Amino acid sequence: MKNTCIKIIPFLVVVGLIFSCTGSSTSQESGSDATTDDLKEAGQAFIEDDESVPNVLQIAIGSPDHTTLVAAVQAADLENALVNAGPLMVFAPTNAAFDALPAGTVEDLLKPENKETLATILKHHVTAGNYDKEFLKNFDKLGQADDTNVTVEVKGDDVFIGGAKIIASIKGGNGIVHVVDKVILPEE
């Protein structure tokens, strides 16, 4: 038994050295200074892929009319939620829609102490599903990601979600972005 232990211990030391050398050379070869914490924080929202259809978050990030929405999503730490497999319908208010809120509202919501309130408001703009504007005309209300409902109204060819008019729609890899002209606030 003693001979077996004496033979195994050096073997384990050599195996340990091989694995530790392999791990350090991999990070040096990649030229990355990223720590494990950096990688955890990035998540799938930050994986770049030139071949697939952009997801709903990438669509918003690429739109010059949605910089306020993107800043709000980042402040609420919801990036990874918007890149999930879905399907997701995101009702994306334009910068002008955020500008129409009372003065100071957006700045106040972007403060770290209001992160939970901001996340609730943003979740009120997300619904499970992948329905185009025409199909949305079949609904009276939709269940939102914040566990509340929002009304759907049809006026002629226009569709309103919670009072916000859909002004454009863009299909994404994990759902659809419906651009709206108003911030949809949860009813109290």
C-alpha atoms as a PDB file:
ATOM      1  CA  MET A   1       0.000   0.000   0.000  1.00  0.00           C
ATOM      2  CA  LYS A   2       2.837   2.395   0.885  1.00  0.00           C
ATOM      3  CA  ASN A   3       4.497   1.831  -2.499  1.00  0.00           C
ATOM      4  CA  THR A   4       1.233   2.651  -4.287  1.00  0.00           C
ATOM      5  CA  CYS A   5       0.839   5.933  -2.367  1.00  0.00           C
ATOM      6  CA  ILE A   6       4.436   6.907  -3.035  1.00  0.00           C
ATOM      7  CA  LYS A   7       3.902   6.340  -6.787  1.00  0.00           C
ATOM      8  CA  ILE A   8       0.544   8.176  -6.913  1.00  0.00           C
ATOM      9  CA  ILE A   9       1.631  11.371  -5.114  1.00  0.00           C
ATOM     10  CA  PRO A  10       4.318  12.341  -7.684  1.00  0.00           C
ATOM     11  CA  PHE A  11       1.849  11.498 -10.472  1.00  0.00           C
ATOM     12  CA  LEU A  12      -0.752  13.865  -8.952  1.00  0.00           C
ATOM     13  CA  VAL A  13       1.855  16.616  -8.591  1.00  0.00           C
ATOM     14  CA  VAL A  14       2.838  16.274 -12.265  1.00  0.00           C
ATOM     15  CA  VAL A  15      -0.817  16.261 -13.380  1.00  0.00           C
ATOM     16  CA  GLY A  16      -1.461  19.348 -11.240  1.00  0.00           C
ATOM     17  CA  LEU A  17       1.494  21.154 -12.812  1.00  0.00           C
ATOM     18  CA  ILE A  18       0.330  20.259 -16.315  1.00  0.00           C
ATOM     19  CA  PHE A  19      -3.158  21.603 -15.677  1.00  0.00           C
ATOM     20  CA  SER A  20      -1.912  24.781 -14.020  1.00  0.00           C
ATOM     21  CA  CYS A  21       0.523  25.430 -16.884  1.00  0.00           C
ATOM     22  CA  THR A  22      -2.176  24.774 -19.448  1.00  0.00           C
ATOM     23  CA  GLY A  23      -4.529  27.221 -17.757  1.00  0.00           C
ATOM     24  CA  SER A  24      -1.963  30.013 -17.527  1.00  0.00           C
ATOM     25  CA  SER A  25      -0.705  29.614 -21.069  1.00  0.00           C
ATOM     26  CA  THR A  26      -4.249  29.739 -22.432  1.00  0.00           C
ATOM     27  CA  SER A  27      -4.937  33.118 -20.861  1.00  0.00           C
ATOM     28  CA  GLN A  28      -1.535  34.430 -21.943  1.00  0.00           C
ATOM     29  CA  GLU A  29      -1.976  33.186 -25.503  1.00  0.00           C
ATOM     30  CA  SER A  30      -5.319  34.916 -25.836  1.00  0.00           C
ATOM     31  CA  GLY A  31      -3.765  38.172 -24.681  1.00  0.00           C
ATOM     32  CA  SER A  32      -6.738  38.713 -22.411  1.00  0.00           C
ATOM     33  CA  ASP A  33      -6.492  40.341 -19.037  1.00  0.00           C
ATOM     34  CA  ALA A  34     -10.145  39.479 -18.300  1.00  0.00           C
ATOM     35  CA  THR A  35     -10.856  37.996 -14.917  1.00  0.00           C
ATOM     36  CA  THR A  36     -13.490  35.400 -14.153  1.00  0.00           C
ATOM     37  CA  ASP A  37     -15.660  38.169 -12.682  1.00  0.00           C
ATOM     38  CA  ASP A  38     -15.411  40.165 -15.930  1.00  0.00           C
ATOM     39  CA  LEU A  39     -16.592  37.182 -17.921  1.00  0.00           C
ATOM     40  CA  LYS A  40     -19.533  36.541 -15.572  1.00  0.00           C
ATOM     41  CA  GLU A  41     -20.673  40.141 -15.789  1.00  0.00           C
ATOM     42  CA  ALA A  42     -20.538  40.188 -19.568  1.00  0.00           C
ATOM     43  CA  GLY A  43     -22.845  37.216 -20.139  1.00  0.00           C
ATOM     44  CA  GLN A  44     -24.414  36.263 -23.417  1.00  0.00           C
ATOM     45  CA  ALA A  45     -25.578  39.806 -24.109  1.00  0.00           C
ATOM     46  CA  PHE A  46     -22.049  40.730 -25.079  1.00  0.00           C
ATOM     47  CA  ILE A  47     -21.195  37.868 -27.419  1.00  0.00           C
ATOM     48  CA  GLU A  48     -20.609  39.201 -30.911  1.00  0.00           C
ATOM     49  CA  ASP A  49     -21.719  37.191 -33.912  1.00  0.00           C
ATOM     50  CA  ASP A  50     -21.653  38.535 -37.451  1.00  0.00           C
ATOM     51  CA  GLU A  51     -23.608  35.649 -38.961  1.00  0.00           C
ATOM     52  CA  SER A  52     -26.899  35.436 -37.059  1.00  0.00           C
ATOM     53  CA  VAL A  53     -29.923  37.729 -37.172  1.00  0.00           C
ATOM     54  CA  PRO A  54     -29.534  40.484 -34.543  1.00  0.00           C
ATOM     55  CA  ASN A  55     -31.483  39.883 -31.338  1.00  0.00           C
ATOM     56  CA  VAL A  56     -33.846  42.490 -29.876  1.00  0.00           C
ATOM     57  CA  LEU A  57     -31.096  44.054 -27.750  1.00  0.00           C
ATOM     58  CA  GLN A  58     -28.723  44.352 -30.709  1.00  0.00           C
ATOM     59  CA  ILE A  59     -31.489  46.005 -32.740  1.00  0.00           C
ATOM     60  CA  ALA A  60     -31.974  48.623 -30.010  1.00  0.00           C
ATOM     61  CA  ILE A  61     -28.235  49.165 -29.609  1.00  0.00           C
ATOM     62  CA  GLY A  62     -27.908  49.742 -33.351  1.00  0.00           C
ATOM     63  CA  SER A  63     -30.698  52.329 -33.452  1.00  0.00           C
ATOM     64  CA  PRO A  64     -29.822  56.021 -33.032  1.00  0.00           C
ATOM     65  CA  ASP A  65     -33.455  56.588 -31.944  1.00  0.00           C
ATOM     66  CA  HIS A  66     -33.146  54.284 -28.924  1.00  0.00           C
ATOM     67  CA  THR A  67     -30.051  55.497 -27.054  1.00  0.00           C
ATOM     68  CA  THR A  68     -32.096  56.412 -23.974  1.00  0.00           C
ATOM     69  CA  LEU A  69     -33.740  52.977 -23.937  1.00  0.00           C
ATOM     70  CA  VAL A  70     -30.359  51.262 -24.231  1.00  0.00           C
ATOM     71  CA  ALA A  71     -28.947  53.390 -21.376  1.00  0.00           C
ATOM     72  CA  ALA A  72     -31.978  52.446 -19.254  1.00  0.00           C
ATOM     73  CA  VAL A  73     -31.594  48.721 -20.041  1.00  0.00           C
ATOM     74  CA  GLN A  74     -27.924  48.928 -19.057  1.00  0.00           C
ATOM     75  CA  ALA A  75     -28.682  50.850 -15.850  1.00  0.00           C
ATOM     76  CA  ALA A  76     -31.273  48.213 -14.886  1.00  0.00           C
ATOM     77  CA  ASP A  77     -28.881  45.338 -15.756  1.00  0.00           C
ATOM     78  CA  LEU A  78     -31.394  43.754 -18.142  1.00  0.00           C
ATOM     79  CA  GLU A  79     -29.110  43.174 -21.129  1.00  0.00           C
ATOM     80  CA  ASN A  80     -28.910  39.408 -20.682  1.00  0.00           C
ATOM     81  CA  ALA A  81     -32.692  39.095 -20.301  1.00  0.00           C
ATOM     82  CA  LEU A  82     -33.184  40.655 -23.741  1.00  0.00           C
ATOM     83  CA  VAL A  83     -30.919  38.192 -25.518  1.00  0.00           C
ATOM     84  CA  ASN A  84     -32.594  35.040 -24.206  1.00  0.00           C
ATOM     85  CA  ALA A  85     -34.022  32.623 -26.737  1.00  0.00           C
ATOM     86  CA  GLY A  86     -37.447  34.218 -26.444  1.00  0.00           C
ATOM     87  CA  PRO A  87     -39.494  34.758 -28.380  1.00  0.00           C
ATOM     88  CA  LEU A  88     -39.836  38.300 -27.054  1.00  0.00           C
ATOM     89  CA  MET A  89     -41.844  41.300 -28.153  1.00  0.00           C
ATOM     90  CA  VAL A  90     -40.197  44.507 -27.024  1.00  0.00           C
ATOM     91  CA  PHE A  91     -42.207  47.718 -27.239  1.00  0.00           C
ATOM     92  CA  ALA A  92     -39.300  50.121 -27.630  1.00  0.00           C
ATOM     93  CA  PRO A  93     -39.952  53.793 -26.835  1.00  0.00           C
ATOM     94  CA  THR A  94     -37.956  56.251 -28.918  1.00  0.00           C
ATOM     95  CA  ASN A  95     -35.703  58.923 -27.447  1.00  0.00           C
ATOM     96  CA  ALA A  96     -38.510  61.411 -28.165  1.00  0.00           C
ATOM     97  CA  ALA A  97     -40.900  59.283 -26.095  1.00  0.00           C
ATOM     98  CA  PHE A  98     -38.519  59.454 -23.119  1.00  0.00           C
ATOM     99  CA  ASP A  99     -38.059  63.196 -23.703  1.00  0.00           C
ATOM    100  CA  ALA A 100     -41.847  63.636 -23.387  1.00  0.00           C
ATOM    101  CA  LEU A 101     -41.749  62.457 -19.756  1.00  0.00           C
ATOM    102  CA  PRO A 102     -41.730  65.170 -17.075  1.00  0.00           C
ATOM    103  CA  ALA A 103     -38.384  66.941 -16.753  1.00  0.00           C
ATOM    104  CA  GLY A 104     -35.868  65.009 -14.652  1.00  0.00           C
ATOM    105  CA  THR A 105     -37.774  61.701 -14.786  1.00  0.00           C
ATOM    106  CA  VAL A 106     -35.245  59.813 -16.918  1.00  0.00           C
ATOM    107  CA  GLU A 107     -32.255  61.179 -14.999  1.00  0.00           C
ATOM    108  CA  ASP A 108     -33.909  60.154 -11.721  1.00  0.00           C
ATOM    109  CA  LEU A 109     -34.720  56.648 -12.964  1.00  0.00           C
ATOM    110  CA  LEU A 110     -31.137  56.103 -14.144  1.00  0.00           C
ATOM    111  CA  LYS A 111     -29.783  56.580 -10.601  1.00  0.00           C
ATOM    112  CA  PRO A 112     -28.510  53.356  -8.981  1.00  0.00           C
ATOM    113  CA  GLU A 113     -30.970  53.658  -6.095  1.00  0.00           C
ATOM    114  CA  ASN A 114     -33.878  53.501  -8.586  1.00  0.00           C
ATOM    115  CA  LYS A 115     -32.633  50.407 -10.410  1.00  0.00           C
ATOM    116  CA  GLU A 116     -35.561  48.217  -9.276  1.00  0.00           C
ATOM    117  CA  THR A 117     -38.203  50.780 -10.301  1.00  0.00           C
ATOM    118  CA  LEU A 118     -36.504  51.241 -13.669  1.00  0.00           C
ATOM    119  CA  ALA A 119     -36.361  47.463 -14.200  1.00  0.00           C
ATOM    120  CA  THR A 120     -40.103  47.193 -13.478  1.00  0.00           C
ATOM    121  CA  ILE A 121     -40.906  49.941 -15.991  1.00  0.00           C
ATOM    122  CA  LEU A 122     -38.709  48.328 -18.652  1.00  0.00           C
ATOM    123  CA  LYS A 123     -40.218  44.879 -18.056  1.00  0.00           C
ATOM    124  CA  HIS A 124     -43.603  46.501 -18.654  1.00  0.00           C
ATOM    125  CA  HIS A 125     -42.411  46.953 -22.261  1.00  0.00           C
ATOM    126  CA  VAL A 126     -41.713  43.234 -22.847  1.00  0.00           C
ATOM    127  CA  THR A 127     -44.135  40.426 -23.708  1.00  0.00           C
ATOM    128  CA  ALA A 128     -43.512  36.779 -24.485  1.00  0.00           C
ATOM    129  CA  GLY A 129     -44.305  36.058 -28.129  1.00  0.00           C
ATOM    130  CA  ASN A 130     -43.391  37.103 -31.619  1.00  0.00           C
ATOM    131  CA  TYR A 131     -46.478  38.722 -33.097  1.00  0.00           C
ATOM    132  CA  ASP A 132     -46.519  41.249 -35.884  1.00  0.00           C
ATOM    133  CA  LYS A 133     -48.675  44.365 -35.730  1.00  0.00           C
ATOM    134  CA  GLU A 134     -51.525  42.747 -37.693  1.00  0.00           C
ATOM    135  CA  PHE A 135     -51.739  39.760 -35.354  1.00  0.00           C
ATOM    136  CA  LEU A 136     -51.700  42.026 -32.287  1.00  0.00           C
ATOM    137  CA  LYS A 137     -55.065  43.369 -33.473  1.00  0.00           C
ATOM    138  CA  ASN A 138     -56.580  40.083 -32.230  1.00  0.00           C
ATOM    139  CA  PHE A 139     -55.802  40.880 -28.574  1.00  0.00           C
ATOM    140  CA  ASP A 140     -57.545  43.016 -25.963  1.00  0.00           C
ATOM    141  CA  LYS A 141     -54.606  42.858 -23.573  1.00  0.00           C
ATOM    142  CA  LEU A 142     -51.153  41.366 -23.242  1.00  0.00           C
ATOM    143  CA  GLY A 143     -49.360  39.958 -20.195  1.00  0.00           C
ATOM    144  CA  GLN A 144     -46.112  41.790 -19.648  1.00  0.00           C
ATOM    145  CA  ALA A 145     -42.829  40.597 -18.111  1.00  0.00           C
ATOM    146  CA  ASP A 146     -43.546  42.640 -14.957  1.00  0.00           C
ATOM    147  CA  ASP A 147     -46.583  40.388 -14.244  1.00  0.00           C
ATOM    148  CA  THR A 148     -49.109  43.051 -15.227  1.00  0.00           C
ATOM    149  CA  ASN A 149     -51.322  43.455 -18.267  1.00  0.00           C
ATOM    150  CA  VAL A 150     -51.370  46.158 -20.892  1.00  0.00           C
ATOM    151  CA  THR A 151     -54.328  47.031 -23.114  1.00  0.00           C
ATOM    152  CA  VAL A 152     -54.287  46.643 -26.875  1.00  0.00           C
ATOM    153  CA  GLU A 153     -56.374  49.110 -28.869  1.00  0.00           C
ATOM    154  CA  VAL A 154     -56.959  49.239 -32.612  1.00  0.00           C
ATOM    155  CA  LYS A 155     -57.814  52.551 -34.251  1.00  0.00           C
ATOM    156  CA  GLY A 156     -58.090  52.111 -38.007  1.00  0.00           C
ATOM    157  CA  ASP A 157     -54.786  50.590 -39.119  1.00  0.00           C
ATOM    158  CA  ASP A 158     -52.989  51.756 -35.972  1.00  0.00           C
ATOM    159  CA  VAL A 159     -52.276  49.525 -32.979  1.00  0.00           C
ATOM    160  CA  PHE A 160     -51.773  51.018 -29.521  1.00  0.00           C
ATOM    161  CA  ILE A 161     -50.161  49.112 -26.659  1.00  0.00           C
ATOM    162  CA  GLY A 162     -50.879  50.717 -23.292  1.00  0.00           C
ATOM    163  CA  GLY A 163     -51.629  53.949 -25.138  1.00  0.00           C
ATOM    164  CA  ALA A 164     -48.384  53.874 -27.136  1.00  0.00           C
ATOM    165  CA  LYS A 165     -48.718  53.708 -30.916  1.00  0.00           C
ATOM    166  CA  ILE A 166     -46.650  51.147 -32.820  1.00  0.00           C
ATOM    167  CA  ILE A 167     -44.835  53.223 -35.456  1.00  0.00           C
ATOM    168  CA  ALA A 168     -42.503  50.521 -36.828  1.00  0.00           C
ATOM    169  CA  SER A 169     -41.595  46.871 -36.323  1.00  0.00           C
ATOM    170  CA  ILE A 170     -38.278  45.086 -36.794  1.00  0.00           C
ATOM    171  CA  LYS A 171     -37.954  41.296 -36.646  1.00  0.00           C
ATOM    172  CA  GLY A 172     -35.058  39.994 -34.589  1.00  0.00           C
ATOM    173  CA  GLY A 173     -33.418  36.660 -34.031  1.00  0.00           C
ATOM    174  CA  ASN A 174     -35.242  36.128 -30.735  1.00  0.00           C
ATOM    175  CA  GLY A 175     -38.442  38.077 -31.337  1.00  0.00           C
ATOM    176  CA  ILE A 176     -39.621  41.407 -32.630  1.00  0.00           C
ATOM    177  CA  VAL A 177     -39.062  45.041 -31.705  1.00  0.00           C
ATOM    178  CA  HIS A 178     -42.150  47.227 -32.020  1.00  0.00           C
ATOM    179  CA  VAL A 179     -41.047  50.864 -31.980  1.00  0.00           C
ATOM    180  CA  VAL A 180     -43.559  52.932 -29.977  1.00  0.00           C
ATOM    181  CA  ASP A 181     -44.090  56.675 -29.597  1.00  0.00           C
ATOM    182  CA  LYS A 182     -44.649  56.697 -25.841  1.00  0.00           C
ATOM    183  CA  VAL A 183     -43.188  55.219 -22.650  1.00  0.00           C
ATOM    184  CA  ILE A 184     -45.686  52.662 -21.342  1.00  0.00           C
ATOM    185  CA  LEU A 185     -45.994  53.177 -17.595  1.00  0.00           C
ATOM    186  CA  PRO A 186     -47.523  50.489 -15.376  1.00  0.00           C
ATOM    187  CA  GLU A 187     -50.903  51.453 -13.947  1.00  0.00           C
ATOM    188  CA  GLU A 188     -50.917  51.860 -10.199  1.00  0.00           C
END
